Amino acid sequence: PDLERQQRGRVHRLISDKSRDSLVTKTFTSYPLPGGECKNQQGGDEDDQGDALATTTAAISVRWSRNSQKIGARKRKKQDALSSSDPYPNTLVVVRKYQRDHARLHETLFQVLKCPRSDVTFAGKKDLVAETFQFCTLRGVSPEQFQQATKQLTSLRFGRAVRVDWLLQKGDLAGNRFEIVVRNVSCISVVGQEHNTVVVEQSVPCPAEHVTQHVERVQRRGFINFFGEQRVGRAG
């Protein structure tokens, strides 16, 4: 109620941008208050300031756009038809990727399967550079259809596709397991006399004992699990 017109405009634009026009907003300057009245903080004499009761307020309503409602209705109709004809209408498969970001992987799959983007679901995103394996579910796609559509994708590898009656949602992840390969490791060696003020630092091959020592320290104390752009790029 206290937002000025310019500030309300920012709210409208923010919701529109973040929802990719899936939501529609509208400002009501006199929206009826549900269930009664509230104190009006504006108007009235100085003696009874804040004691007046208001039955309306300024409000911003948010609802699904017509296009989003149509898409949702089609999805529900398709899912109902699949559920009634096949008790296991979806497919679960393990996807292996390398040097490919998550957005590109997602786009590749729904394009070759010729299905909506939302029909290809994952529990989360994987690193861009690493060789990764993750589960993927496909709405209304049989294992035979999946194998036929993806047989030309040489840049991706897939495990055995099986039928399921559920779909992965973002966050359906118990944890990750990593295998890390470290190559060409070097460390800093300080060269100089004990009482000499001039010392030289140089990079030298790292001895195996040094690596073992630090691995054991991580095992004892753990490490900070950083995440952000350095893991999955700006798309993450």
C-alpha atoms as a PDB file:
ATOM      1  CA  PRO A   1       0.000   0.000   0.000  1.00  0.00           C
ATOM      2  CA  ASP A   2       2.865   2.380   0.668  1.00  0.00           C
ATOM      3  CA  LEU A   3       4.580   1.878  -2.710  1.00  0.00           C
ATOM      4  CA  GLU A   4       4.475   4.747  -5.158  1.00  0.00           C
ATOM      5  CA  ARG A   5       3.537   4.209  -8.799  1.00  0.00           C
ATOM      6  CA  GLN A   6       7.161   4.119  -9.963  1.00  0.00           C
ATOM      7  CA  GLN A   7       8.044   1.522  -7.314  1.00  0.00           C
ATOM      8  CA  ARG A   8       5.039  -0.616  -8.246  1.00  0.00           C
ATOM      9  CA  GLY A   9       6.234  -0.501 -11.844  1.00  0.00           C
ATOM     10  CA  ARG A  10       9.542  -2.001 -10.762  1.00  0.00           C
ATOM     11  CA  VAL A  11       7.684  -4.833  -9.037  1.00  0.00           C
ATOM     12  CA  HIS A  12       5.677  -5.521 -12.215  1.00  0.00           C
ATOM     13  CA  ARG A  13       8.830  -5.612 -14.361  1.00  0.00           C
ATOM     14  CA  LEU A  14      10.689  -7.811 -11.880  1.00  0.00           C
ATOM     15  CA  ILE A  15       7.920 -10.427 -11.795  1.00  0.00           C
ATOM     16  CA  SER A  16       7.581 -10.348 -15.585  1.00  0.00           C
ATOM     17  CA  ASP A  17      11.326 -10.799 -16.152  1.00  0.00           C
ATOM     18  CA  LYS A  18      11.807 -13.546 -13.569  1.00  0.00           C
ATOM     19  CA  SER A  19       8.761 -15.520 -14.718  1.00  0.00           C
ATOM     20  CA  ARG A  20       9.575 -15.042 -18.418  1.00  0.00           C
ATOM     21  CA  ASP A  21       6.089 -13.634 -18.960  1.00  0.00           C
ATOM     22  CA  SER A  22       4.455 -16.719 -17.436  1.00  0.00           C
ATOM     23  CA  LEU A  23       2.813 -14.491 -14.801  1.00  0.00           C
ATOM     24  CA  VAL A  24       0.577 -11.461 -15.304  1.00  0.00           C
ATOM     25  CA  THR A  25       0.391  -8.647 -12.743  1.00  0.00           C
ATOM     26  CA  LYS A  26      -2.112  -5.853 -12.219  1.00  0.00           C
ATOM     27  CA  THR A  27      -2.364  -2.997  -9.718  1.00  0.00           C
ATOM     28  CA  PHE A  28      -5.621  -2.354  -7.835  1.00  0.00           C
ATOM     29  CA  THR A  29      -5.724   1.042  -6.105  1.00  0.00           C
ATOM     30  CA  SER A  30      -8.879   0.153  -4.147  1.00  0.00           C
ATOM     31  CA  TYR A  31      -8.759  -3.558  -3.474  1.00  0.00           C
ATOM     32  CA  PRO A  32     -11.335  -4.770  -0.915  1.00  0.00           C
ATOM     33  CA  LEU A  33      -9.759  -6.139   2.232  1.00  0.00           C
ATOM     34  CA  PRO A  34     -10.712  -9.761   2.914  1.00  0.00           C
ATOM     35  CA  GLY A  35     -12.479 -10.423   6.173  1.00  0.00           C
ATOM     36  CA  GLY A  36     -13.101  -6.855   7.272  1.00  0.00           C
ATOM     37  CA  GLU A  37     -11.219  -3.673   7.898  1.00  0.00           C
ATOM     38  CA  CYS A  38      -7.814  -2.405   8.959  1.00  0.00           C
ATOM     39  CA  LYS A  39      -6.541   0.818  10.427  1.00  0.00           C
ATOM     40  CA  ASN A  40      -5.936   3.556   7.904  1.00  0.00           C
ATOM     41  CA  GLN A  41      -2.579   5.197   8.450  1.00  0.00           C
ATOM     42  CA  GLN A  42      -3.463   8.176   6.286  1.00  0.00           C
ATOM     43  CA  GLY A  43      -6.051  10.874   6.749  1.00  0.00           C
ATOM     44  CA  GLY A  44      -8.104  11.847   9.789  1.00  0.00           C
ATOM     45  CA  ASP A  45      -7.529  14.516  12.423  1.00  0.00           C
ATOM     46  CA  GLU A  46      -4.336  14.691  14.412  1.00  0.00           C
ATOM     47  CA  ASP A  47      -6.129  13.411  17.528  1.00  0.00           C
ATOM     48  CA  ASP A  48      -7.458  10.262  15.886  1.00  0.00           C
ATOM     49  CA  GLN A  49      -4.568   9.702  13.424  1.00  0.00           C
ATOM     50  CA  GLY A  50      -4.289   5.946  12.702  1.00  0.00           C
ATOM     51  CA  ASP A  51      -7.667   5.146  14.311  1.00  0.00           C
ATOM     52  CA  ALA A  52      -9.749   5.398  11.124  1.00  0.00           C
ATOM     53  CA  LEU A  53     -10.678   2.086   9.554  1.00  0.00           C
ATOM     54  CA  ALA A  54     -10.203   1.339   5.854  1.00  0.00           C
ATOM     55  CA  THR A  55     -12.089  -1.281   3.850  1.00  0.00           C
ATOM     56  CA  THR A  56      -9.829  -1.154   0.782  1.00  0.00           C
ATOM     57  CA  THR A  57      -6.106  -1.020   0.056  1.00  0.00           C
ATOM     58  CA  ALA A  58      -3.700  -0.772  -2.869  1.00  0.00           C
ATOM     59  CA  ALA A  59      -2.598  -4.216  -4.052  1.00  0.00           C
ATOM     60  CA  ILE A  60      -0.763  -6.014  -6.848  1.00  0.00           C
ATOM     61  CA  SER A  61      -2.415  -9.210  -8.086  1.00  0.00           C
ATOM     62  CA  VAL A  62      -0.382 -11.999  -9.676  1.00  0.00           C
ATOM     63  CA  ARG A  63      -1.871 -14.761 -11.834  1.00  0.00           C
ATOM     64  CA  TRP A  64      -0.793 -17.186 -14.535  1.00  0.00           C
ATOM     65  CA  SER A  65      -0.902 -15.820 -18.077  1.00  0.00           C
ATOM     66  CA  ARG A  66      -3.410 -17.304 -20.532  1.00  0.00           C
ATOM     67  CA  ASN A  67      -0.616 -18.988 -22.463  1.00  0.00           C
ATOM     68  CA  SER A  68       0.725 -20.601 -19.267  1.00  0.00           C
ATOM     69  CA  GLN A  69      -2.758 -21.819 -18.356  1.00  0.00           C
ATOM     70  CA  LYS A  70      -3.166 -23.390 -21.808  1.00  0.00           C
ATOM     71  CA  ILE A  71       0.222 -25.093 -21.556  1.00  0.00           C
ATOM     72  CA  GLY A  72      -0.620 -26.396 -18.083  1.00  0.00           C
ATOM     73  CA  ALA A  73      -3.971 -27.724 -19.277  1.00  0.00           C
ATOM     74  CA  ARG A  74      -2.313 -29.550 -22.187  1.00  0.00           C
ATOM     75  CA  LYS A  75       0.273 -31.098 -19.853  1.00  0.00           C
ATOM     76  CA  ARG A  76      -2.407 -32.307 -17.436  1.00  0.00           C
ATOM     77  CA  LYS A  77      -4.483 -33.711 -20.284  1.00  0.00           C
ATOM     78  CA  LYS A  78      -1.468 -35.506 -21.728  1.00  0.00           C
ATOM     79  CA  GLN A  79      -0.422 -36.892 -18.356  1.00  0.00           C
ATOM     80  CA  ASP A  80      -3.973 -38.062 -17.569  1.00  0.00           C
ATOM     81  CA  ALA A  81      -4.162 -39.849 -20.929  1.00  0.00           C
ATOM     82  CA  LEU A  82      -0.798 -41.504 -20.379  1.00  0.00           C
ATOM     83  CA  SER A  83      -1.642 -42.527 -16.818  1.00  0.00           C
ATOM     84  CA  SER A  84      -4.903 -44.132 -17.876  1.00  0.00           C
ATOM     85  CA  SER A  85      -3.304 -46.146 -20.707  1.00  0.00           C
ATOM     86  CA  ASP A  86       0.122 -46.940 -19.214  1.00  0.00           C
ATOM     87  CA  PRO A  87       0.879 -47.356 -15.501  1.00  0.00           C
ATOM     88  CA  TYR A  88       4.540 -46.478 -16.188  1.00  0.00           C
ATOM     89  CA  PRO A  89       4.377 -43.668 -18.768  1.00  0.00           C
ATOM     90  CA  ASN A  90       7.777 -42.070 -18.108  1.00  0.00           C
ATOM     91  CA  THR A  91      11.400 -43.095 -18.673  1.00  0.00           C
ATOM     92  CA  LEU A  92      14.404 -42.961 -16.336  1.00  0.00           C
ATOM     93  CA  VAL A  93      17.918 -42.922 -17.800  1.00  0.00           C
ATOM     94  CA  VAL A  94      21.466 -42.033 -16.740  1.00  0.00           C
ATOM     95  CA  VAL A  95      23.105 -39.335 -18.899  1.00  0.00           C
ATOM     96  CA  ARG A  96      26.876 -39.010 -19.270  1.00  0.00           C
ATOM     97  CA  LYS A  97      28.251 -35.690 -20.525  1.00  0.00           C
ATOM     98  CA  TYR A  98      31.668 -34.075 -20.863  1.00  0.00           C
ATOM     99  CA  GLN A  99      32.576 -30.436 -21.632  1.00  0.00           C
ATOM    100  CA  ARG A 100      28.900 -29.525 -21.950  1.00  0.00           C
ATOM    101  CA  ASP A 101      26.911 -27.182 -19.724  1.00  0.00           C
ATOM    102  CA  HIS A 102      23.548 -28.154 -18.270  1.00  0.00           C
ATOM    103  CA  ALA A 103      21.469 -25.730 -20.363  1.00  0.00           C
ATOM    104  CA  ARG A 104      22.943 -27.086 -23.588  1.00  0.00           C
ATOM    105  CA  LEU A 105      22.339 -30.678 -22.478  1.00  0.00           C
ATOM    106  CA  HIS A 106      18.713 -29.888 -21.613  1.00  0.00           C
ATOM    107  CA  GLU A 107      18.144 -28.146 -24.945  1.00  0.00           C
ATOM    108  CA  THR A 108      19.680 -31.018 -26.912  1.00  0.00           C
ATOM    109  CA  LEU A 109      17.425 -33.611 -25.288  1.00  0.00           C
ATOM    110  CA  PHE A 110      14.075 -31.862 -25.665  1.00  0.00           C
ATOM    111  CA  GLN A 111      14.904 -30.945 -29.270  1.00  0.00           C
ATOM    112  CA  VAL A 112      15.769 -34.491 -30.391  1.00  0.00           C
ATOM    113  CA  LEU A 113      12.799 -35.896 -28.454  1.00  0.00           C
ATOM    114  CA  LYS A 114      10.513 -33.201 -29.910  1.00  0.00           C
ATOM    115  CA  CYS A 115       8.871 -32.605 -26.549  1.00  0.00           C
ATOM    116  CA  PRO A 116       8.342 -29.541 -24.299  1.00  0.00           C
ATOM    117  CA  ARG A 117      11.308 -28.437 -22.231  1.00  0.00           C
ATOM    118  CA  SER A 118       9.454 -29.257 -19.003  1.00  0.00           C
ATOM    119  CA  ASP A 119       9.116 -32.933 -20.036  1.00  0.00           C
ATOM    120  CA  VAL A 120      12.876 -33.430 -19.529  1.00  0.00           C
ATOM    121  CA  THR A 121      13.691 -33.192 -15.817  1.00  0.00           C
ATOM    122  CA  PHE A 122      16.797 -33.441 -13.637  1.00  0.00           C
ATOM    123  CA  ALA A 123      17.425 -33.306  -9.892  1.00  0.00           C
ATOM    124  CA  GLY A 124      20.155 -30.672 -10.322  1.00  0.00           C
ATOM    125  CA  LYS A 125      22.989 -29.326 -12.448  1.00  0.00           C
ATOM    126  CA  LYS A 126      26.426 -30.824 -13.025  1.00  0.00           C
ATOM    127  CA  ASP A 127      29.806 -29.233 -13.649  1.00  0.00           C
ATOM    128  CA  LEU A 128      30.665 -27.949 -17.106  1.00  0.00           C
ATOM    129  CA  VAL A 129      34.212 -29.284 -17.441  1.00  0.00           C
ATOM    130  CA  ALA A 130      33.993 -32.590 -15.578  1.00  0.00           C
ATOM    131  CA  GLU A 131      32.835 -35.925 -16.920  1.00  0.00           C
ATOM    132  CA  THR A 132      29.502 -36.252 -15.146  1.00  0.00           C
ATOM    133  CA  PHE A 133      26.754 -38.850 -14.773  1.00  0.00           C
ATOM    134  CA  GLN A 134      23.232 -37.946 -13.661  1.00  0.00           C
ATOM    135  CA  PHE A 135      19.696 -39.304 -13.673  1.00  0.00           C
ATOM    136  CA  CYS A 136      17.135 -37.850 -16.060  1.00  0.00           C
ATOM    137  CA  THR A 137      13.414 -38.515 -16.408  1.00  0.00           C
ATOM    138  CA  LEU A 138      11.311 -38.052 -19.536  1.00  0.00           C
ATOM    139  CA  ARG A 139       7.570 -37.434 -19.386  1.00  0.00           C
ATOM    140  CA  GLY A 140       5.485 -39.561 -21.751  1.00  0.00           C
ATOM    141  CA  VAL A 141       8.515 -41.003 -23.589  1.00  0.00           C
ATOM    142  CA  SER A 142       9.050 -44.763 -23.777  1.00  0.00           C
ATOM    143  CA  PRO A 143      12.546 -46.308 -23.606  1.00  0.00           C
ATOM    144  CA  GLU A 144      12.154 -47.393 -27.249  1.00  0.00           C
ATOM    145  CA  GLN A 145      11.283 -43.862 -28.359  1.00  0.00           C
ATOM    146  CA  PHE A 146      14.210 -42.463 -26.390  1.00  0.00           C
ATOM    147  CA  GLN A 147      16.732 -44.896 -27.865  1.00  0.00           C
ATOM    148  CA  GLN A 148      15.504 -44.238 -31.395  1.00  0.00           C
ATOM    149  CA  ALA A 149      15.660 -40.445 -30.992  1.00  0.00           C
ATOM    150  CA  THR A 150      19.106 -40.309 -29.359  1.00  0.00           C
ATOM    151  CA  LYS A 151      21.026 -42.930 -31.343  1.00  0.00           C
ATOM    152  CA  GLN A 152      22.696 -40.200 -33.440  1.00  0.00           C
ATOM    153  CA  LEU A 153      23.950 -38.225 -30.392  1.00  0.00           C
ATOM    154  CA  THR A 154      27.622 -39.168 -30.406  1.00  0.00           C
ATOM    155  CA  SER A 155      28.597 -36.450 -27.921  1.00  0.00           C
ATOM    156  CA  LEU A 156      26.459 -37.965 -25.151  1.00  0.00           C
ATOM    157  CA  ARG A 157      26.288 -41.427 -23.582  1.00  0.00           C
ATOM    158  CA  PHE A 158      23.287 -43.021 -21.918  1.00  0.00           C
ATOM    159  CA  GLY A 159      22.676 -45.890 -19.538  1.00  0.00           C
ATOM    160  CA  ARG A 160      19.827 -48.370 -19.763  1.00  0.00           C
ATOM    161  CA  ALA A 161      16.458 -46.657 -20.059  1.00  0.00           C
ATOM    162  CA  VAL A 162      13.671 -48.039 -17.837  1.00  0.00           C
ATOM    163  CA  ARG A 163       9.986 -47.231 -17.367  1.00  0.00           C
ATOM    164  CA  VAL A 164       8.870 -45.390 -14.210  1.00  0.00           C
ATOM    165  CA  ASP A 165       5.660 -43.816 -12.946  1.00  0.00           C
ATOM    166  CA  TRP A 166       7.285 -40.686 -11.455  1.00  0.00           C
ATOM    167  CA  LEU A 167       9.364 -37.674 -12.509  1.00  0.00           C
ATOM    168  CA  LEU A 168      12.463 -36.093 -10.989  1.00  0.00           C
ATOM    169  CA  GLN A 169      12.068 -32.624  -9.532  1.00  0.00           C
ATOM    170  CA  LYS A 170      14.772 -30.081  -8.791  1.00  0.00           C
ATOM    171  CA  GLY A 171      16.207 -30.929  -5.380  1.00  0.00           C
ATOM    172  CA  ASP A 172      15.516 -34.695  -5.556  1.00  0.00           C
ATOM    173  CA  LEU A 173      19.174 -35.354  -4.857  1.00  0.00           C
ATOM    174  CA  ALA A 174      20.629 -37.235  -1.884  1.00  0.00           C
ATOM    175  CA  GLY A 175      24.230 -36.327  -2.721  1.00  0.00           C
ATOM    176  CA  ASN A 176      27.106 -36.537  -5.202  1.00  0.00           C
ATOM    177  CA  ARG A 177      30.163 -38.784  -5.478  1.00  0.00           C
ATOM    178  CA  PHE A 178      33.391 -37.512  -7.057  1.00  0.00           C
ATOM    179  CA  GLU A 179      36.571 -39.034  -8.462  1.00  0.00           C
ATOM    180  CA  ILE A 180      39.283 -36.363  -8.789  1.00  0.00           C
ATOM    181  CA  VAL A 181      42.395 -36.719 -10.953  1.00  0.00           C
ATOM    182  CA  VAL A 182      45.283 -34.351 -10.140  1.00  0.00           C
ATOM    183  CA  ARG A 183      48.090 -33.944 -12.706  1.00  0.00           C
ATOM    184  CA  ASN A 184      51.366 -32.008 -12.901  1.00  0.00           C
ATOM    185  CA  VAL A 185      51.225 -30.884  -9.276  1.00  0.00           C
ATOM    186  CA  SER A 186      53.879 -28.401  -8.164  1.00  0.00           C
ATOM    187  CA  CYS A 187      54.634 -26.643  -4.896  1.00  0.00           C
ATOM    188  CA  ILE A 188      56.661 -23.630  -3.792  1.00  0.00           C
ATOM    189  CA  SER A 189      60.204 -24.109  -2.542  1.00  0.00           C
ATOM    190  CA  VAL A 190      61.980 -21.245  -0.730  1.00  0.00           C
ATOM    191  CA  VAL A 191      65.676 -20.943  -1.583  1.00  0.00           C
ATOM    192  CA  GLY A 192      67.981 -18.755   0.567  1.00  0.00           C
ATOM    193  CA  GLN A 193      70.289 -18.723   3.540  1.00  0.00           C
ATOM    194  CA  GLU A 194      68.934 -18.612   7.057  1.00  0.00           C
ATOM    195  CA  HIS A 195      70.301 -15.132   7.877  1.00  0.00           C
ATOM    196  CA  ASN A 196      70.048 -13.745   4.377  1.00  0.00           C
ATOM    197  CA  THR A 197      67.298 -11.192   3.828  1.00  0.00           C
ATOM    198  CA  VAL A 198      66.963 -12.158   0.164  1.00  0.00           C
ATOM    199  CA  VAL A 199      65.104 -15.390  -0.516  1.00  0.00           C
ATOM    200  CA  VAL A 200      63.819 -16.843  -3.759  1.00  0.00           C
ATOM    201  CA  GLU A 201      60.580 -18.761  -4.248  1.00  0.00           C
ATOM    202  CA  GLN A 202      60.510 -21.278  -7.053  1.00  0.00           C
ATOM    203  CA  SER A 203      58.029 -23.842  -8.329  1.00  0.00           C
ATOM    204  CA  VAL A 204      59.220 -27.428  -8.058  1.00  0.00           C
ATOM    205  CA  PRO A 205      57.592 -30.842  -8.661  1.00  0.00           C
ATOM    206  CA  CYS A 206      55.481 -31.784  -5.668  1.00  0.00           C
ATOM    207  CA  PRO A 207      56.717 -34.881  -3.799  1.00  0.00           C
ATOM    208  CA  ALA A 208      54.227 -37.650  -3.120  1.00  0.00           C
ATOM    209  CA  GLU A 209      54.633 -37.199   0.648  1.00  0.00           C
ATOM    210  CA  HIS A 210      53.433 -33.596   0.374  1.00  0.00           C
ATOM    211  CA  VAL A 211      50.270 -34.644  -1.485  1.00  0.00           C
ATOM    212  CA  THR A 212      49.599 -37.457   0.992  1.00  0.00           C
ATOM    213  CA  GLN A 213      49.978 -35.068   3.915  1.00  0.00           C
ATOM    214  CA  HIS A 214      47.402 -32.637   2.547  1.00  0.00           C
ATOM    215  CA  VAL A 215      44.953 -35.383   1.601  1.00  0.00           C
ATOM    216  CA  GLU A 216      45.112 -36.699   5.163  1.00  0.00           C
ATOM    217  CA  ARG A 217      44.501 -33.184   6.500  1.00  0.00           C
ATOM    218  CA  VAL A 218      41.346 -32.902   4.374  1.00  0.00           C
ATOM    219  CA  GLN A 219      40.215 -36.292   5.673  1.00  0.00           C
ATOM    220  CA  ARG A 220      40.669 -35.138   9.274  1.00  0.00           C
ATOM    221  CA  ARG A 221      39.336 -31.575   9.020  1.00  0.00           C
ATOM    222  CA  GLY A 222      37.192 -31.508   5.896  1.00  0.00           C
ATOM    223  CA  PHE A 223      37.088 -28.547   3.522  1.00  0.00           C
ATOM    224  CA  ILE A 224      34.916 -25.586   2.546  1.00  0.00           C
ATOM    225  CA  ASN A 225      32.420 -26.609  -0.135  1.00  0.00           C
ATOM    226  CA  PHE A 226      32.526 -23.559  -2.386  1.00  0.00           C
ATOM    227  CA  PHE A 227      29.845 -23.183  -5.033  1.00  0.00           C
ATOM    228  CA  GLY A 228      28.858 -20.529  -7.539  1.00  0.00           C
ATOM    229  CA  GLU A 229      30.092 -19.383 -10.932  1.00  0.00           C
ATOM    230  CA  GLN A 230      33.389 -21.224 -10.565  1.00  0.00           C
ATOM    231  CA  ARG A 231      31.464 -24.535 -10.495  1.00  0.00           C
ATOM    232  CA  VAL A 232      28.827 -24.369 -13.197  1.00  0.00           C
ATOM    233  CA  GLY A 233      29.304 -20.934 -14.783  1.00  0.00           C
ATOM    234  CA  ARG A 234      26.828 -18.094 -14.945  1.00  0.00           C
ATOM    235  CA  ALA A 235      24.035 -20.499 -15.895  1.00  0.00           C
ATOM    236  CA  GLY A 236      24.248 -21.930 -12.352  1.00  0.00           C
END
